[in-house]
Amino acid sequence: MNRLLRNLVWQRADSRCEYCRMPQEFTDAVHEIDHIIAEQHHGPTTPENLGLACYPCNNHKGPNIAGIDPSSGLVTRLFHPRVDLWAEHFYWNGRGE
């Protein structure tokens, strides 16, 4: 991945994790550039398929594109920062739970 593409991802995300919104300045681990659709699932290395992720989000998501919803038990597509709106998928309850 070239420097221009890396810079685009960082700037577009405003140096925040695109999954949890954690600013880079609040963590010691450097945010990572994530293939939203993993390379092993034939996700391309293009701006549309790259997102900035903090280590915990990237590590937890891994190459997955879906997970089991604990409430319904249904297979559910994971949040896609290029397609989905954050506020429609997440909410902040003010606690670390």
PDB file of N, CA and C in Angstrom:
ATOM      1  N   MET A   1       0.863  -1.173   0.000  1.00  0.00           N
ATOM      2  CA  MET A   1       0.000   0.000   0.000  1.00  0.00           C
ATOM      3  C   MET A   1       0.907   1.233   0.000  1.00  0.00           C
ATOM      4  N   ASN A   2       0.653   2.142  -0.903  1.00  0.00           N
ATOM      5  CA  ASN A   2       1.523   3.306  -0.999  1.00  0.00           C
ATOM      6  C   ASN A   2       1.143   4.390   0.015  1.00  0.00           C
ATOM      7  N   ARG A   3       2.064   5.323   0.206  1.00  0.00           N
ATOM      8  CA  ARG A   3       1.889   6.392   1.198  1.00  0.00           C
ATOM      9  C   ARG A   3       0.666   7.255   0.899  1.00  0.00           C
ATOM     10  N   LEU A   4       0.394   7.531  -0.365  1.00  0.00           N
ATOM     11  CA  LEU A   4      -0.756   8.350  -0.740  1.00  0.00           C
ATOM     12  C   LEU A   4      -2.064   7.702  -0.273  1.00  0.00           C
ATOM     13  N   LEU A   5      -2.185   6.399  -0.469  1.00  0.00           N
ATOM     14  CA  LEU A   5      -3.382   5.675  -0.047  1.00  0.00           C
ATOM     15  C   LEU A   5      -3.485   5.650   1.480  1.00  0.00           C
ATOM     16  N   ARG A   6      -2.371   5.423   2.156  1.00  0.00           N
ATOM     17  CA  ARG A   6      -2.375   5.454   3.633  1.00  0.00           C
ATOM     18  C   ARG A   6      -2.831   6.819   4.143  1.00  0.00           C
ATOM     19  N   ASN A   7      -2.273   7.882   3.564  1.00  0.00           N
ATOM     20  CA  ASN A   7      -2.644   9.240   3.984  1.00  0.00           C
ATOM     21  C   ASN A   7      -4.120   9.516   3.744  1.00  0.00           C
ATOM     22  N   LEU A   8      -4.650   9.052   2.619  1.00  0.00           N
ATOM     23  CA  LEU A   8      -6.070   9.245   2.328  1.00  0.00           C
ATOM     24  C   LEU A   8      -6.934   8.596   3.402  1.00  0.00           C
ATOM     25  N   VAL A   9      -6.603   7.359   3.794  1.00  0.00           N
ATOM     26  CA  VAL A   9      -7.381   6.646   4.811  1.00  0.00           C
ATOM     27  C   VAL A   9      -7.333   7.394   6.146  1.00  0.00           C
ATOM     28  N   TRP A  10      -6.148   7.804   6.560  1.00  0.00           N
ATOM     29  CA  TRP A  10      -6.001   8.526   7.829  1.00  0.00           C
ATOM     30  C   TRP A  10      -6.748   9.865   7.815  1.00  0.00           C
ATOM     31  N   GLN A  11      -6.627  10.598   6.718  1.00  0.00           N
ATOM     32  CA  GLN A  11      -7.284  11.905   6.633  1.00  0.00           C
ATOM     33  C   GLN A  11      -8.792  11.767   6.571  1.00  0.00           C
ATOM     34  N   ARG A  12      -9.292  10.846   5.777  1.00  0.00           N
ATOM     35  CA  ARG A  12     -10.735  10.633   5.656  1.00  0.00           C
ATOM     36  C   ARG A  12     -11.345  10.285   7.011  1.00  0.00           C
ATOM     37  N   ALA A  13     -10.625   9.506   7.812  1.00  0.00           N
ATOM     38  CA  ALA A  13     -11.118   9.082   9.130  1.00  0.00           C
ATOM     39  C   ALA A  13     -10.857  10.127  10.208  1.00  0.00           C
ATOM     40  N   ASP A  14     -10.173  11.183   9.867  1.00  0.00           N
ATOM     41  CA  ASP A  14      -9.810  12.224  10.836  1.00  0.00           C
ATOM     42  C   ASP A  14      -9.045  11.628  12.021  1.00  0.00           C
ATOM     43  N   SER A  15      -8.195  10.640  11.735  1.00  0.00           N
ATOM     44  CA  SER A  15      -7.361   9.960  12.738  1.00  0.00           C
ATOM     45  C   SER A  15      -8.180   9.292  13.843  1.00  0.00           C
ATOM     46  N   ARG A  16      -9.412   8.867  13.503  1.00  0.00           N
ATOM     47  CA  ARG A  16     -10.281   8.159  14.454  1.00  0.00           C
ATOM     48  C   ARG A  16     -10.586   6.769  13.913  1.00  0.00           C
ATOM     49  N   CYS A  17     -10.746   5.831  14.833  1.00  0.00           N
ATOM     50  CA  CYS A  17     -11.202   4.502  14.430  1.00  0.00           C
ATOM     51  C   CYS A  17     -12.581   4.653  13.797  1.00  0.00           C
ATOM     52  N   GLU A  18     -12.771   4.066  12.642  1.00  0.00           N
ATOM     53  CA  GLU A  18     -14.055   4.195  11.957  1.00  0.00           C
ATOM     54  C   GLU A  18     -15.110   3.234  12.499  1.00  0.00           C
ATOM     55  N   TYR A  19     -14.726   2.379  13.435  1.00  0.00           N
ATOM     56  CA  TYR A  19     -15.690   1.463  14.058  1.00  0.00           C
ATOM     57  C   TYR A  19     -16.170   2.005  15.399  1.00  0.00           C
ATOM     58  N   CYS A  20     -15.250   2.382  16.290  1.00  0.00           N
ATOM     59  CA  CYS A  20     -15.661   2.849  17.631  1.00  0.00           C
ATOM     60  C   CYS A  20     -15.488   4.351  17.826  1.00  0.00           C
ATOM     61  N   ARG A  21     -14.857   5.031  16.858  1.00  0.00           N
ATOM     62  CA  ARG A  21     -14.617   6.483  16.873  1.00  0.00           C
ATOM     63  C   ARG A  21     -13.517   6.923  17.835  1.00  0.00           C
ATOM     64  N   MET A  22     -12.700   6.004  18.325  1.00  0.00           N
ATOM     65  CA  MET A  22     -11.603   6.343  19.242  1.00  0.00           C
ATOM     66  C   MET A  22     -10.550   7.175  18.503  1.00  0.00           C
ATOM     67  N   PRO A  23     -10.251   8.377  18.996  1.00  0.00           N
ATOM     68  CA  PRO A  23      -9.188   9.179  18.379  1.00  0.00           C
ATOM     69  C   PRO A  23      -7.818   8.538  18.638  1.00  0.00           C
ATOM     70  N   GLN A  24      -6.936   8.620  17.661  1.00  0.00           N
ATOM     71  CA  GLN A  24      -5.585   8.068  17.809  1.00  0.00           C
ATOM     72  C   GLN A  24      -4.901   8.634  19.039  1.00  0.00           C
ATOM     73  N   GLU A  25      -5.129   9.906  19.336  1.00  0.00           N
ATOM     74  CA  GLU A  25      -4.432  10.563  20.443  1.00  0.00           C
ATOM     75  C   GLU A  25      -4.775   9.973  21.807  1.00  0.00           C
ATOM     76  N   PHE A  26      -5.838   9.169  21.910  1.00  0.00           N
ATOM     77  CA  PHE A  26      -6.245   8.599  23.192  1.00  0.00           C
ATOM     78  C   PHE A  26      -5.747   7.178  23.418  1.00  0.00           C
ATOM     79  N   THR A  27      -4.907   6.677  22.537  1.00  0.00           N
ATOM     80  CA  THR A  27      -4.394   5.320  22.696  1.00  0.00           C
ATOM     81  C   THR A  27      -2.925   5.265  22.304  1.00  0.00           C
ATOM     82  N   ASP A  28      -2.194   4.376  22.954  1.00  0.00           N
ATOM     83  CA  ASP A  28      -0.770   4.218  22.643  1.00  0.00           C
ATOM     84  C   ASP A  28      -0.544   3.364  21.406  1.00  0.00           C
ATOM     85  N   ALA A  29      -1.451   2.427  21.136  1.00  0.00           N
ATOM     86  CA  ALA A  29      -1.313   1.558  19.961  1.00  0.00           C
ATOM     87  C   ALA A  29      -1.707   2.346  18.713  1.00  0.00           C
ATOM     88  N   VAL A  30      -0.879   2.288  17.705  1.00  0.00           N
ATOM     89  CA  VAL A  30      -1.150   3.022  16.466  1.00  0.00           C
ATOM     90  C   VAL A  30      -2.320   2.372  15.734  1.00  0.00           C
ATOM     91  N   HIS A  31      -3.291   3.182  15.314  1.00  0.00           N
ATOM     92  CA  HIS A  31      -4.414   2.676  14.527  1.00  0.00           C
ATOM     93  C   HIS A  31      -3.893   1.973  13.273  1.00  0.00           C
ATOM     94  N   GLU A  32      -4.670   1.022  12.802  1.00  0.00           N
ATOM     95  CA  GLU A  32      -4.276   0.192  11.672  1.00  0.00           C
ATOM     96  C   GLU A  32      -5.213   0.433  10.494  1.00  0.00           C
ATOM     97  N   ILE A  33      -4.688   0.238   9.306  1.00  0.00           N
ATOM     98  CA  ILE A  33      -5.543   0.312   8.120  1.00  0.00           C
ATOM     99  C   ILE A  33      -6.129  -1.078   7.905  1.00  0.00           C
ATOM    100  N   ASP A  34      -7.443  -1.133   7.917  1.00  0.00           N
ATOM    101  CA  ASP A  34      -8.201  -2.380   7.856  1.00  0.00           C
ATOM    102  C   ASP A  34      -8.801  -2.574   6.473  1.00  0.00           C
ATOM    103  N   HIS A  35      -8.706  -3.787   5.948  1.00  0.00           N
ATOM    104  CA  HIS A  35      -9.495  -4.155   4.771  1.00  0.00           C
ATOM    105  C   HIS A  35     -10.890  -4.480   5.298  1.00  0.00           C
ATOM    106  N   ILE A  36     -11.879  -3.660   4.983  1.00  0.00           N
ATOM    107  CA  ILE A  36     -13.239  -3.861   5.483  1.00  0.00           C
ATOM    108  C   ILE A  36     -13.736  -5.233   5.071  1.00  0.00           C
ATOM    109  N   ILE A  37     -13.632  -5.551   3.795  1.00  0.00           N
ATOM    110  CA  ILE A  37     -13.813  -6.916   3.312  1.00  0.00           C
ATOM    111  C   ILE A  37     -12.399  -7.466   3.185  1.00  0.00           C
ATOM    112  N   ALA A  38     -12.070  -8.460   4.000  1.00  0.00           N
ATOM    113  CA  ALA A  38     -10.699  -8.966   4.090  1.00  0.00           C
ATOM    114  C   ALA A  38     -10.171  -9.450   2.745  1.00  0.00           C
ATOM    115  N   GLU A  39      -8.866  -9.360   2.590  1.00  0.00           N
ATOM    116  CA  GLU A  39      -8.220  -9.839   1.375  1.00  0.00           C
ATOM    117  C   GLU A  39      -8.530 -11.315   1.128  1.00  0.00           C
ATOM    118  N   GLN A  40      -8.648 -12.102   2.206  1.00  0.00           N
ATOM    119  CA  GLN A  40      -8.946 -13.530   2.026  1.00  0.00           C
ATOM    120  C   GLN A  40     -10.347 -13.755   1.464  1.00  0.00           C
ATOM    121  N   HIS A  41     -11.199 -12.726   1.553  1.00  0.00           N
ATOM    122  CA  HIS A  41     -12.540 -12.779   0.948  1.00  0.00           C
ATOM    123  C   HIS A  41     -12.570 -11.982  -0.351  1.00  0.00           C
ATOM    124  N   HIS A  42     -11.395 -11.742  -0.906  1.00  0.00           N
ATOM    125  CA  HIS A  42     -11.204 -11.038  -2.179  1.00  0.00           C
ATOM    126  C   HIS A  42     -11.538  -9.553  -2.094  1.00  0.00           C
ATOM    127  N   GLY A  43     -11.381  -8.978  -0.904  1.00  0.00           N
ATOM    128  CA  GLY A  43     -11.549  -7.533  -0.747  1.00  0.00           C
ATOM    129  C   GLY A  43     -10.344  -6.820  -1.324  1.00  0.00           C
ATOM    130  N   PRO A  44     -10.567  -5.825  -2.172  1.00  0.00           N
ATOM    131  CA  PRO A  44      -9.452  -5.129  -2.819  1.00  0.00           C
ATOM    132  C   PRO A  44      -8.774  -4.104  -1.908  1.00  0.00           C
ATOM    133  N   THR A  45      -7.570  -3.752  -2.251  1.00  0.00           N
ATOM    134  CA  THR A  45      -6.848  -2.682  -1.561  1.00  0.00           C
ATOM    135  C   THR A  45      -7.153  -1.388  -2.299  1.00  0.00           C
ATOM    136  N   THR A  46      -8.364  -0.887  -2.079  1.00  0.00           N
ATOM    137  CA  THR A  46      -8.842   0.341  -2.709  1.00  0.00           C
ATOM    138  C   THR A  46      -9.397   1.255  -1.625  1.00  0.00           C
ATOM    139  N   PRO A  47      -9.474   2.557  -1.889  1.00  0.00           N
ATOM    140  CA  PRO A  47     -10.000   3.470  -0.875  1.00  0.00           C
ATOM    141  C   PRO A  47     -11.379   3.060  -0.342  1.00  0.00           C
ATOM    142  N   GLU A  48     -12.228   2.525  -1.205  1.00  0.00           N
ATOM    143  CA  GLU A  48     -13.588   2.153  -0.799  1.00  0.00           C
ATOM    144  C   GLU A  48     -13.608   0.965   0.151  1.00  0.00           C
ATOM    145  N   ASN A  49     -12.553   0.171   0.159  1.00  0.00           N
ATOM    146  CA  ASN A  49     -12.524  -1.022   1.004  1.00  0.00           C
ATOM    147  C   ASN A  49     -11.539  -0.900   2.164  1.00  0.00           C
ATOM    148  N   LEU A  50     -11.017   0.275   2.390  1.00  0.00           N
ATOM    149  CA  LEU A  50     -10.075   0.466   3.490  1.00  0.00           C
ATOM    150  C   LEU A  50     -10.669   1.390   4.536  1.00  0.00           C
ATOM    151  N   GLY A  51     -10.428   1.065   5.801  1.00  0.00           N
ATOM    152  CA  GLY A  51     -10.889   1.894   6.901  1.00  0.00           C
ATOM    153  C   GLY A  51      -9.824   1.949   7.976  1.00  0.00           C
ATOM    154  N   LEU A  52      -9.864   2.971   8.788  1.00  0.00           N
ATOM    155  CA  LEU A  52      -8.932   3.111   9.889  1.00  0.00           C
ATOM    156  C   LEU A  52      -9.551   2.455  11.118  1.00  0.00           C
ATOM    157  N   ALA A  53      -8.794   1.599  11.778  1.00  0.00           N
ATOM    158  CA  ALA A  53      -9.309   0.857  12.929  1.00  0.00           C
ATOM    159  C   ALA A  53      -8.312   0.881  14.071  1.00  0.00           C
ATOM    160  N   CYS A  54      -8.820   1.056  15.286  1.00  0.00           N
ATOM    161  CA  CYS A  54      -7.964   0.908  16.457  1.00  0.00           C
ATOM    162  C   CYS A  54      -7.639  -0.579  16.607  1.00  0.00           C
ATOM    163  N   TYR A  55      -6.599  -0.875  17.375  1.00  0.00           N
ATOM    164  CA  TYR A  55      -6.189  -2.262  17.529  1.00  0.00           C
ATOM    165  C   TYR A  55      -7.316  -3.151  18.075  1.00  0.00           C
ATOM    166  N   PRO A  56      -8.018  -2.740  19.154  1.00  0.00           N
ATOM    167  CA  PRO A  56      -9.081  -3.629  19.657  1.00  0.00           C
ATOM    168  C   PRO A  56     -10.181  -3.906  18.624  1.00  0.00           C
ATOM    169  N   CYS A  57     -10.615  -2.903  17.876  1.00  0.00           N
ATOM    170  CA  CYS A  57     -11.667  -3.125  16.873  1.00  0.00           C
ATOM    171  C   CYS A  57     -11.159  -4.031  15.753  1.00  0.00           C
ATOM    172  N   ASN A  58      -9.957  -3.754  15.255  1.00  0.00           N
ATOM    173  CA  ASN A  58      -9.426  -4.543  14.160  1.00  0.00           C
ATOM    174  C   ASN A  58      -9.173  -5.983  14.604  1.00  0.00           C
ATOM    175  N   ASN A  59      -8.677  -6.155  15.806  1.00  0.00           N
ATOM    176  CA  ASN A  59      -8.408  -7.488  16.332  1.00  0.00           C
ATOM    177  C   ASN A  59      -9.712  -8.263  16.555  1.00  0.00           C
ATOM    178  N   HIS A  60     -10.721  -7.589  17.066  1.00  0.00           N
ATOM    179  CA  HIS A  60     -12.007  -8.247  17.330  1.00  0.00           C
ATOM    180  C   HIS A  60     -12.731  -8.600  16.033  1.00  0.00           C
ATOM    181  N   LYS A  61     -12.712  -7.689  15.073  1.00  0.00           N
ATOM    182  CA  LYS A  61     -13.380  -7.921  13.791  1.00  0.00           C
ATOM    183  C   LYS A  61     -12.666  -9.002  12.990  1.00  0.00           C
ATOM    184  N   GLY A  62     -11.340  -8.932  12.951  1.00  0.00           N
ATOM    185  CA  GLY A  62     -10.574  -9.893  12.167  1.00  0.00           C
ATOM    186  C   GLY A  62     -11.028  -9.881  10.714  1.00  0.00           C
ATOM    187  N   PRO A  63     -11.072 -11.036  10.049  1.00  0.00           N
ATOM    188  CA  PRO A  63     -11.489 -11.099   8.649  1.00  0.00           C
ATOM    189  C   PRO A  63     -13.006 -11.247   8.491  1.00  0.00           C
ATOM    190  N   ASN A  64     -13.735 -11.161   9.594  1.00  0.00           N
ATOM    191  CA  ASN A  64     -15.177 -11.417   9.542  1.00  0.00           C
ATOM    192  C   ASN A  64     -15.943 -10.311   8.817  1.00  0.00           C
ATOM    193  N   ILE A  65     -17.005 -10.712   8.147  1.00  0.00           N
ATOM    194  CA  ILE A  65     -17.911  -9.755   7.508  1.00  0.00           C
ATOM    195  C   ILE A  65     -19.310  -9.859   8.110  1.00  0.00           C
ATOM    196  N   ALA A  66     -19.498 -10.836   9.016  1.00  0.00           N
ATOM    197  CA  ALA A  66     -20.782 -11.031   9.688  1.00  0.00           C
ATOM    198  C   ALA A  66     -20.524 -11.680  11.037  1.00  0.00           C
ATOM    199  N   GLY A  67     -21.535 -11.647  11.878  1.00  0.00           N
ATOM    200  CA  GLY A  67     -21.467 -12.271  13.193  1.00  0.00           C
ATOM    201  C   GLY A  67     -22.855 -12.702  13.618  1.00  0.00           C
ATOM    202  N   ILE A  68     -22.950 -13.394  14.741  1.00  0.00           N
ATOM    203  CA  ILE A  68     -24.236 -13.823  15.282  1.00  0.00           C
ATOM    204  C   ILE A  68     -24.759 -12.736  16.215  1.00  0.00           C
ATOM    205  N   ASP A  69     -25.948 -12.230  15.939  1.00  0.00           N
ATOM    206  CA  ASP A  69     -26.587 -11.244  16.805  1.00  0.00           C
ATOM    207  C   ASP A  69     -26.991 -11.952  18.097  1.00  0.00           C
ATOM    208  N   PRO A  70     -26.465 -11.520  19.258  1.00  0.00           N
ATOM    209  CA  PRO A  70     -26.778 -12.216  20.505  1.00  0.00           C
ATOM    210  C   PRO A  70     -28.254 -12.120  20.905  1.00  0.00           C
ATOM    211  N   SER A  71     -28.936 -11.090  20.443  1.00  0.00           N
ATOM    212  CA  SER A  71     -30.361 -10.940  20.778  1.00  0.00           C
ATOM    213  C   SER A  71     -31.253 -11.849  19.954  1.00  0.00           C
ATOM    214  N   SER A  72     -30.987 -11.915  18.646  1.00  0.00           N
ATOM    215  CA  SER A  72     -31.875 -12.673  17.755  1.00  0.00           C
ATOM    216  C   SER A  72     -31.328 -14.047  17.374  1.00  0.00           C
ATOM    217  N   GLY A  73     -30.002 -14.225  17.509  1.00  0.00           N
ATOM    218  CA  GLY A  73     -29.392 -15.474  17.073  1.00  0.00           C
ATOM    219  C   GLY A  73     -29.185 -15.553  15.570  1.00  0.00           C
ATOM    220  N   LEU A  74     -29.486 -14.476  14.852  1.00  0.00           N
ATOM    221  CA  LEU A  74     -29.361 -14.456  13.395  1.00  0.00           C
ATOM    222  C   LEU A  74     -27.969 -13.998  12.959  1.00  0.00           C
ATOM    223  N   VAL A  75     -27.519 -14.514  11.832  1.00  0.00           N
ATOM    224  CA  VAL A  75     -26.272 -14.038  11.230  1.00  0.00           C
ATOM    225  C   VAL A  75     -26.536 -12.623  10.722  1.00  0.00           C
ATOM    226  N   THR A  76     -25.685 -11.694  11.135  1.00  0.00           N
ATOM    227  CA  THR A  76     -25.877 -10.286  10.818  1.00  0.00           C
ATOM    228  C   THR A  76     -24.594  -9.696  10.262  1.00  0.00           C
ATOM    229  N   ARG A  77     -24.710  -8.968   9.158  1.00  0.00           N
ATOM    230  CA  ARG A  77     -23.556  -8.302   8.551  1.00  0.00           C
ATOM    231  C   ARG A  77     -22.996  -7.273   9.526  1.00  0.00           C
ATOM    232  N   LEU A  78     -21.667  -7.226   9.609  1.00  0.00           N
ATOM    233  CA  LEU A  78     -21.006  -6.250  10.471  1.00  0.00           C
ATOM    234  C   LEU A  78     -21.066  -4.854   9.854  1.00  0.00           C
ATOM    235  N   PHE A  79     -20.861  -3.859  10.687  1.00  0.00           N
ATOM    236  CA  PHE A  79     -20.832  -2.466  10.269  1.00  0.00           C
ATOM    237  C   PHE A  79     -19.788  -2.258   9.174  1.00  0.00           C
ATOM    238  N   HIS A  80     -20.177  -1.542   8.137  1.00  0.00           N
ATOM    239  CA  HIS A  80     -19.294  -1.231   7.012  1.00  0.00           C
ATOM    240  C   HIS A  80     -19.170   0.296   6.942  1.00  0.00           C
ATOM    241  N   PRO A  81     -18.013   0.850   7.326  1.00  0.00           N
ATOM    242  CA  PRO A  81     -17.885   2.304   7.412  1.00  0.00           C
ATOM    243  C   PRO A  81     -18.010   3.065   6.099  1.00  0.00           C
ATOM    244  N   ARG A  82     -17.910   2.426   4.959  1.00  0.00           N
ATOM    245  CA  ARG A  82     -18.092   3.118   3.686  1.00  0.00           C
ATOM    246  C   ARG A  82     -19.562   3.111   3.263  1.00  0.00           C
ATOM    247  N   VAL A  83     -20.386   2.260   3.858  1.00  0.00           N
ATOM    248  CA  VAL A  83     -21.768   2.082   3.415  1.00  0.00           C
ATOM    249  C   VAL A  83     -22.777   2.485   4.494  1.00  0.00           C
ATOM    250  N   ASP A  84     -22.496   2.116   5.736  1.00  0.00           N
ATOM    251  CA  ASP A  84     -23.455   2.293   6.828  1.00  0.00           C
ATOM    252  C   ASP A  84     -23.249   3.606   7.570  1.00  0.00           C
ATOM    253  N   LEU A  85     -24.297   4.078   8.201  1.00  0.00           N
ATOM    254  CA  LEU A  85     -24.215   5.254   9.058  1.00  0.00           C
ATOM    255  C   LEU A  85     -23.998   4.799  10.496  1.00  0.00           C
ATOM    256  N   TRP A  86     -22.970   5.356  11.139  1.00  0.00           N
ATOM    257  CA  TRP A  86     -22.590   4.940  12.483  1.00  0.00           C
ATOM    258  C   TRP A  86     -23.773   5.046  13.449  1.00  0.00           C
ATOM    259  N   ALA A  87     -24.487   6.146  13.416  1.00  0.00           N
ATOM    260  CA  ALA A  87     -25.584   6.381  14.366  1.00  0.00           C
ATOM    261  C   ALA A  87     -26.748   5.405  14.194  1.00  0.00           C
ATOM    262  N   GLU A  88     -26.837   4.735  13.060  1.00  0.00           N
ATOM    263  CA  GLU A  88     -27.898   3.746  12.858  1.00  0.00           C
ATOM    264  C   GLU A  88     -27.512   2.370  13.393  1.00  0.00           C
ATOM    265  N   HIS A  89     -26.247   2.177  13.739  1.00  0.00           N
ATOM    266  CA  HIS A  89     -25.767   0.879  14.199  1.00  0.00           C
ATOM    267  C   HIS A  89     -25.326   0.867  15.651  1.00  0.00           C
ATOM    268  N   PHE A  90     -24.960   2.033  16.175  1.00  0.00           N
ATOM    269  CA  PHE A  90     -24.389   2.110  17.514  1.00  0.00           C
ATOM    270  C   PHE A  90     -25.048   3.239  18.291  1.00  0.00           C
ATOM    271  N   TYR A  91     -24.900   3.158  19.596  1.00  0.00           N
ATOM    272  CA  TYR A  91     -25.284   4.282  20.445  1.00  0.00           C
ATOM    273  C   TYR A  91     -24.332   4.310  21.618  1.00  0.00           C
ATOM    274  N   TRP A  92     -24.172   5.463  22.205  1.00  0.00           N
ATOM    275  CA  TRP A  92     -23.296   5.643  23.348  1.00  0.00           C
ATOM    276  C   TRP A  92     -24.147   5.794  24.586  1.00  0.00           C
ATOM    277  N   ASN A  93     -23.969   4.891  25.551  1.00  0.00           N
ATOM    278  CA  ASN A  93     -24.775   4.977  26.769  1.00  0.00           C
ATOM    279  C   ASN A  93     -24.046   5.692  27.889  1.00  0.00           C
ATOM    280  N   GLY A  94     -22.836   6.192  27.620  1.00  0.00           N
ATOM    281  CA  GLY A  94     -22.103   6.950  28.615  1.00  0.00           C
ATOM    282  C   GLY A  94     -21.338   6.102  29.599  1.00  0.00           C
ATOM    283  N   ARG A  95     -21.418   4.788  29.451  1.00  0.00           N
ATOM    284  CA  ARG A  95     -20.695   3.881  30.346  1.00  0.00           C
ATOM    285  C   ARG A  95     -19.840   2.954  29.496  1.00  0.00           C
ATOM    286  N   GLY A  96     -18.907   2.319  30.125  1.00  0.00           N
ATOM    287  CA  GLY A  96     -18.024   1.390  29.428  1.00  0.00           C
ATOM    288  C   GLY A  96     -18.567  -0.028  29.386  1.00  0.00           C
ATOM    289  N   GLU A  97     -19.847  -0.185  29.240  1.00  0.00           N
ATOM    290  CA  GLU A  97     -20.456  -1.517  29.239  1.00  0.00           C
ATOM    291  C   GLU A  97     -20.809  -1.949  27.842  1.00  0.00           C
TER     292      GLU A  97
END
